[in-house]
Protein backbone atom coordinates (compact mmCIF):
# COMPACT_ATOMS: atom_id res chain seq x y z
CA MET A 1 -30.54 10.79 7.64
CA ALA A 2 -29.21 10.35 4.05
CA SER A 3 -27.45 13.35 2.41
CA ASP A 4 -28.47 14.65 -0.64
CA ASP A 5 -24.85 16.13 -0.97
CA GLY A 6 -23.27 13.28 0.56
CA LYS A 7 -20.19 11.76 -0.87
CA LEU A 8 -21.88 9.08 -2.62
CA ALA A 9 -25.09 11.16 -3.69
CA GLY A 10 -26.67 9.46 -6.16
CA LYS A 11 -24.81 6.39 -6.40
CA ALA A 12 -25.89 2.86 -6.04
CA ALA A 13 -23.99 0.54 -4.12
CA ILE A 14 -23.94 -3.43 -3.67
CA ILE A 15 -22.81 -4.51 -0.14
CA THR A 16 -22.25 -8.05 0.37
CA GLY A 17 -22.19 -9.37 3.75
CA ALA A 18 -23.89 -6.35 4.93
CA GLY A 19 -26.19 -8.05 7.46
CA ARG A 20 -23.71 -7.59 10.48
CA ASN A 21 -20.65 -6.20 11.88
CA ILE A 22 -18.54 -4.45 8.82
CA GLY A 23 -21.01 -5.12 6.16
CA GLU A 24 -23.81 -3.60 8.30
CA ALA A 25 -21.51 -0.48 9.44
CA ILE A 26 -20.65 0.31 5.61
CA ALA A 27 -23.95 -0.11 4.24
CA THR A 28 -25.46 2.39 7.19
CA LEU A 29 -22.48 4.77 6.32
CA PHE A 30 -22.89 4.85 2.61
CA ALA A 31 -26.84 5.26 2.97
CA ALA A 32 -26.05 8.18 5.11
CA GLU A 33 -23.68 9.60 2.57
CA GLY A 34 -26.45 9.65 0.17
CA ALA A 35 -26.03 6.29 -1.94
CA SER A 36 -28.78 3.69 -2.55
CA VAL A 37 -27.90 0.31 -1.02
CA ALA A 38 -28.26 -3.39 -1.70
CA VAL A 39 -28.18 -4.82 1.47
CA VAL A 40 -27.12 -8.27 0.61
CA ASP A 41 -26.46 -11.30 2.69
CA MET A 42 -27.44 -14.83 2.87
CA ASP A 43 -29.64 -14.57 5.92
CA ALA A 44 -33.23 -12.81 4.76
CA GLY A 45 -33.86 -11.92 8.35
CA ARG A 46 -30.43 -9.97 8.70
CA ALA A 47 -30.62 -7.88 5.42
CA SER A 48 -33.87 -7.04 5.75
CA ALA A 49 -33.32 -5.60 9.66
CA VAL A 50 -30.16 -3.56 8.19
CA ALA A 51 -32.59 -2.25 5.49
CA GLU A 52 -35.13 -1.32 7.68
CA LYS A 53 -32.87 0.50 9.85
CA ILE A 54 -31.78 2.48 6.85
CA LYS A 55 -34.94 3.27 5.77
CA ALA A 56 -35.95 4.29 9.09
CA ALA A 57 -32.92 6.85 9.05
CA GLY A 58 -34.17 8.15 6.02
CA GLY A 59 -32.07 6.46 3.73
CA THR A 60 -32.54 4.36 0.76
CA ALA A 61 -32.09 0.14 0.68
CA THR A 62 -33.49 -2.79 -0.21
CA PRO A 63 -32.38 -6.09 1.01
CA ILE A 64 -31.31 -9.34 -1.17
CA THR A 65 -31.13 -12.53 -0.06
CA CYS A 66 -27.98 -14.28 -1.85
CA ASP A 67 -25.14 -17.06 -1.68
CA VAL A 68 -22.27 -15.15 -3.39
CA SER A 69 -20.92 -18.45 -3.85
CA ASP A 70 -23.68 -19.46 -6.48
CA THR A 71 -23.38 -17.79 -9.65
CA SER A 72 -27.06 -18.10 -10.54
CA ASP A 73 -27.89 -16.31 -7.12
CA ILE A 74 -25.50 -13.58 -8.19
CA THR A 75 -27.41 -12.90 -11.48
CA ASN A 76 -30.19 -12.53 -9.42
CA MET A 77 -29.00 -10.09 -7.28
CA VAL A 78 -27.28 -7.73 -9.81
CA ALA A 79 -30.60 -7.95 -11.87
CA ALA A 80 -32.34 -6.72 -8.40
CA THR A 81 -30.40 -4.07 -7.86
CA VAL A 82 -30.61 -2.71 -11.27
CA ASP A 83 -34.38 -2.94 -11.11
CA ALA A 84 -34.12 -1.34 -7.70
CA PHE A 85 -31.87 1.47 -8.28
CA GLY A 86 -31.26 1.70 -11.98
CA GLY A 87 -27.82 0.68 -12.05
CA ILE A 88 -24.75 -0.07 -10.00
CA ASP A 89 -22.23 2.49 -9.29
CA ILE A 90 -20.32 0.70 -6.48
CA LEU A 91 -19.62 -2.82 -5.34
CA VAL A 92 -17.87 -3.91 -2.23
CA ASN A 93 -17.19 -7.67 -1.51
CA ASN A 94 -17.35 -7.84 1.91
CA VAL A 95 -18.45 -11.33 2.96
CA ALA A 96 -16.24 -14.15 4.13
CA ILE A 97 -16.04 -17.18 6.64
CA THR A 98 -13.67 -18.57 8.36
CA ASP A 99 -12.18 -22.03 9.50
CA ARG A 100 -10.42 -21.91 12.39
CA LYS A 101 -8.55 -24.75 12.19
CA ASP A 102 -4.88 -26.13 11.35
CA ILE A 103 -3.86 -28.17 8.53
CA PHE A 104 -4.49 -31.48 10.16
CA ALA A 105 -8.02 -30.57 11.35
CA LEU A 106 -9.23 -28.79 8.52
CA SER A 107 -11.10 -31.30 6.30
CA GLU A 108 -11.22 -30.85 2.36
CA ASP A 109 -14.79 -29.83 2.09
CA GLU A 110 -13.85 -27.10 4.80
CA TRP A 111 -11.16 -26.04 2.71
CA ARG A 112 -13.02 -25.71 -0.60
CA ARG A 113 -16.07 -24.04 1.21
CA THR A 114 -13.90 -21.11 2.76
CA ILE A 115 -12.00 -20.92 -0.26
CA ASP A 116 -15.26 -20.29 -2.40
CA VAL A 117 -16.68 -17.97 -0.20
CA THR A 118 -14.04 -15.72 0.81
CA LEU A 119 -11.99 -15.64 -2.42
CA SER A 120 -13.90 -17.04 -5.43
CA SER A 121 -16.96 -15.04 -4.29
CA PRO A 122 -15.41 -11.65 -4.82
CA PHE A 123 -14.49 -13.08 -8.45
CA TYR A 124 -17.96 -14.11 -8.99
CA VAL A 125 -19.58 -10.99 -8.28
CA THR A 126 -17.01 -8.74 -9.59
CA LYS A 127 -17.46 -10.47 -12.87
CA GLN A 128 -20.96 -9.72 -12.95
CA VAL A 129 -21.22 -6.33 -11.71
CA ALA A 130 -18.17 -4.95 -13.76
CA LYS A 131 -19.65 -6.60 -16.97
CA TRP A 132 -23.00 -4.84 -16.15
CA MET A 133 -20.95 -1.40 -15.69
CA VAL A 134 -18.96 -2.46 -19.13
CA ASP A 135 -22.21 -3.18 -21.03
CA ASN A 136 -23.71 -0.14 -19.91
CA GLU A 137 -20.69 2.58 -20.04
CA ARG A 138 -20.85 3.14 -16.71
CA SER A 139 -17.65 3.52 -14.66
CA GLY A 140 -17.28 2.42 -11.08
CA ARG A 141 -15.35 1.60 -7.98
CA ILE A 142 -15.05 -1.77 -6.33
CA VAL A 143 -13.51 -2.31 -2.72
CA ASN A 144 -12.25 -5.62 -1.41
CA ILE A 145 -12.16 -6.21 2.02
CA GLY A 146 -9.13 -8.13 2.71
CA SER A 147 -7.19 -8.91 6.05
CA THR A 148 -4.23 -8.78 7.91
CA SER A 149 -4.45 -12.68 7.60
CA GLY A 150 -3.62 -12.60 4.20
CA PHE A 151 -0.21 -11.18 4.80
CA ALA A 152 1.02 -13.47 7.58
CA GLY A 153 0.76 -17.31 8.57
CA ARG A 154 -1.42 -18.12 11.70
CA PRO A 155 -1.46 -21.18 13.94
CA GLN A 156 -5.23 -21.50 13.03
CA ALA A 157 -7.44 -20.75 9.95
CA ILE A 158 -5.25 -21.97 7.10
CA ALA A 159 -7.94 -21.56 4.53
CA TYR A 160 -8.84 -17.98 5.50
CA GLY A 161 -5.37 -17.11 5.61
CA ALA A 162 -4.84 -18.64 2.07
CA ALA A 163 -8.05 -17.15 0.76
CA LYS A 164 -7.27 -13.64 2.01
CA GLY A 165 -3.76 -13.69 0.64
CA GLY A 166 -5.16 -14.72 -2.63
CA LEU A 167 -7.76 -11.80 -2.68
CA ASN A 168 -4.62 -9.53 -2.62
CA THR A 169 -3.38 -10.44 -5.87
CA LEU A 170 -7.06 -10.72 -7.01
CA THR A 171 -7.57 -7.23 -6.29
CA GLN A 172 -4.41 -5.94 -8.08
CA SER A 173 -5.32 -7.99 -11.41
CA LEU A 174 -8.75 -6.90 -11.12
CA ALA A 175 -7.28 -3.06 -10.67
CA VAL A 176 -5.17 -3.91 -13.75
CA GLN A 177 -7.90 -5.45 -16.14
CA LEU A 178 -10.93 -3.22 -15.30
CA ALA A 179 -9.20 0.32 -15.27
CA PRO A 180 -9.43 0.77 -18.90
CA HIS A 181 -13.21 0.35 -18.51
CA GLY A 182 -13.29 3.39 -15.81
CA ILE A 183 -13.62 1.04 -12.85
CA ILE A 184 -11.16 1.28 -9.93
CA VAL A 185 -10.36 -1.41 -7.69
CA ASN A 186 -8.71 -1.16 -4.06
CA GLN A 187 -8.76 -3.06 -1.05
CA VAL A 188 -9.13 -2.32 2.89
CA SER A 189 -7.46 -4.97 5.39
CA PRO A 190 -8.89 -4.80 8.82
CA ASN A 191 -7.59 -6.71 11.92
CA MET A 192 -9.69 -7.48 14.92
CA THR A 193 -12.76 -5.36 14.11
CA GLY A 194 -16.10 -6.11 15.84
CA SER A 195 -17.21 -9.42 15.81
CA PRO A 196 -15.12 -12.36 15.03
CA VAL A 197 -15.65 -13.25 11.32
CA GLY A 198 -19.02 -15.33 10.78
CA LYS A 199 -20.06 -14.28 14.51
CA GLN A 200 -22.72 -11.90 15.86
CA ASP A 201 -21.29 -10.81 19.41
CA PHE A 202 -18.86 -8.62 19.73
CA ASP A 203 -16.29 -8.52 22.77
CA PRO A 204 -14.62 -5.35 23.12
CA SER A 205 -12.40 -6.82 25.97
CA ARG A 206 -10.82 -9.33 23.86
CA GLN A 207 -7.10 -9.50 23.76
CA VAL A 208 -5.63 -7.46 20.66
CA SER A 209 -1.97 -6.87 19.65
CA ASN A 210 -1.43 -3.48 18.06
CA LEU A 211 -0.01 -0.08 18.50
CA VAL A 212 -3.74 1.59 19.28
CA GLY A 213 -4.23 -0.80 22.26
CA ARG A 214 -8.04 -2.02 21.49
CA ALA A 215 -10.07 -3.75 19.29
CA GLY A 216 -11.30 -1.81 16.12
CA ALA A 217 -14.99 -0.71 15.49
CA PRO A 218 -17.02 -1.67 12.37
CA GLU A 219 -17.56 2.19 12.06
CA GLU A 220 -13.99 2.65 11.71
CA GLN A 221 -13.47 0.01 8.77
CA ALA A 222 -16.59 1.68 6.94
CA LYS A 223 -14.95 5.24 6.80
CA ALA A 224 -12.12 3.79 5.02
CA VAL A 225 -14.22 1.98 2.78
CA LEU A 226 -15.99 5.43 2.07
CA PHE A 227 -12.56 6.85 1.34
CA MET A 228 -11.92 4.39 -1.28
CA ALA A 229 -15.45 4.17 -2.81
CA SER A 230 -15.83 8.12 -2.99
CA GLU A 231 -13.78 10.68 -5.09
CA ASP A 232 -11.65 11.39 -1.75
CA ALA A 233 -9.73 8.60 -3.22
CA SER A 234 -9.56 9.99 -7.08
CA PHE A 235 -5.82 9.10 -7.63
CA VAL A 236 -6.13 5.72 -5.65
CA ALA A 237 -6.06 2.45 -7.46
CA GLY A 238 -4.98 -1.03 -7.17
CA ALA A 239 -3.91 -0.31 -3.49
CA ASN A 240 -4.18 -2.05 -0.01
CA LEU A 241 -4.99 0.03 2.86
CA PHE A 242 -4.27 -1.67 6.45
CA VAL A 243 -6.74 -0.14 9.04
CA ASP A 244 -5.46 -2.58 11.70
CA GLY A 245 -4.44 -0.46 14.65
CA GLY A 246 -0.85 -0.89 13.61
CA THR A 247 -0.84 -4.65 13.99
CA MET A 248 0.99 -5.07 10.30
CA ALA A 249 3.75 -2.41 11.83
CA MET A 250 4.77 -4.52 14.60
CA ALA A 251 7.34 -7.25 13.72
CA SER A 252 5.86 -9.31 16.44
CA PHE A 253 2.58 -9.80 14.41
CA ALA A 254 3.68 -12.85 12.72
CA ASP A 255 4.54 -14.58 16.46
CA ALA A 256 1.47 -13.25 18.27
CA ASN A 257 0.14 -16.45 20.13
CA ARG A 258 2.15 -18.80 18.20
CA SER A 259 2.74 -22.11 20.12
CA VAL A 260 6.46 -22.88 19.72
CA PRO A 261 7.68 -25.64 18.52
CA LYS A 262 10.41 -28.12 20.47
CA ALA A 263 13.48 -27.97 19.15
CA ALA A 264 14.53 -30.88 16.88
CA THR A 265 16.98 -33.56 18.40
């Protein structure tokens, strides 16, 4: 049930990659807290299913099909959101894809696609949403979804790690450049939450290495994003919040599941 006095009451939010997992949980929680939610996903069926679930619970949502690596698609998405809700107050850049390959296995096309969706799309979407906010003299909040993969090397997923690493600095640069316009930018960085990136099924028994001793639930990430998007974070800007079960606090993180090379002779 949507709340008329929720933390996001009267706000309009765009959530990219909202058709499943963390994005779906964010969209659902935002709607329950009173926001009108644009459920943005490249898969029309997933976007519609989440929007219908929100509406069935008494919330306000509209599904929007969008390839966030295509700037013309983004233009249409922004216009559709404004048409539906009268404006935009919150953007969550959640969508990402991963490669799950090392440098020798990854093709140049796979590298470009992963970087474009995971790193470039937050720039593309933020540029258009922020311009709408500035042109309409409307302050707002933007939350980027990072990853612990952006802070340490991995034996696989070289493009994904590079993209999320770039997103850390992009978040800080956006925070500096947009703050004078009343737009506050922050980041939330998960680890091992819900289904793997780009996959539908969640295996709660999959092996994790953290201080909590289990995989995270999408709803736990959504609560952190809600904090960043609401007035509860009124004095937080340009920050990254790890919601990772303590993974980054562990000295062994960078060594986890790493195959040790043979010593040189």
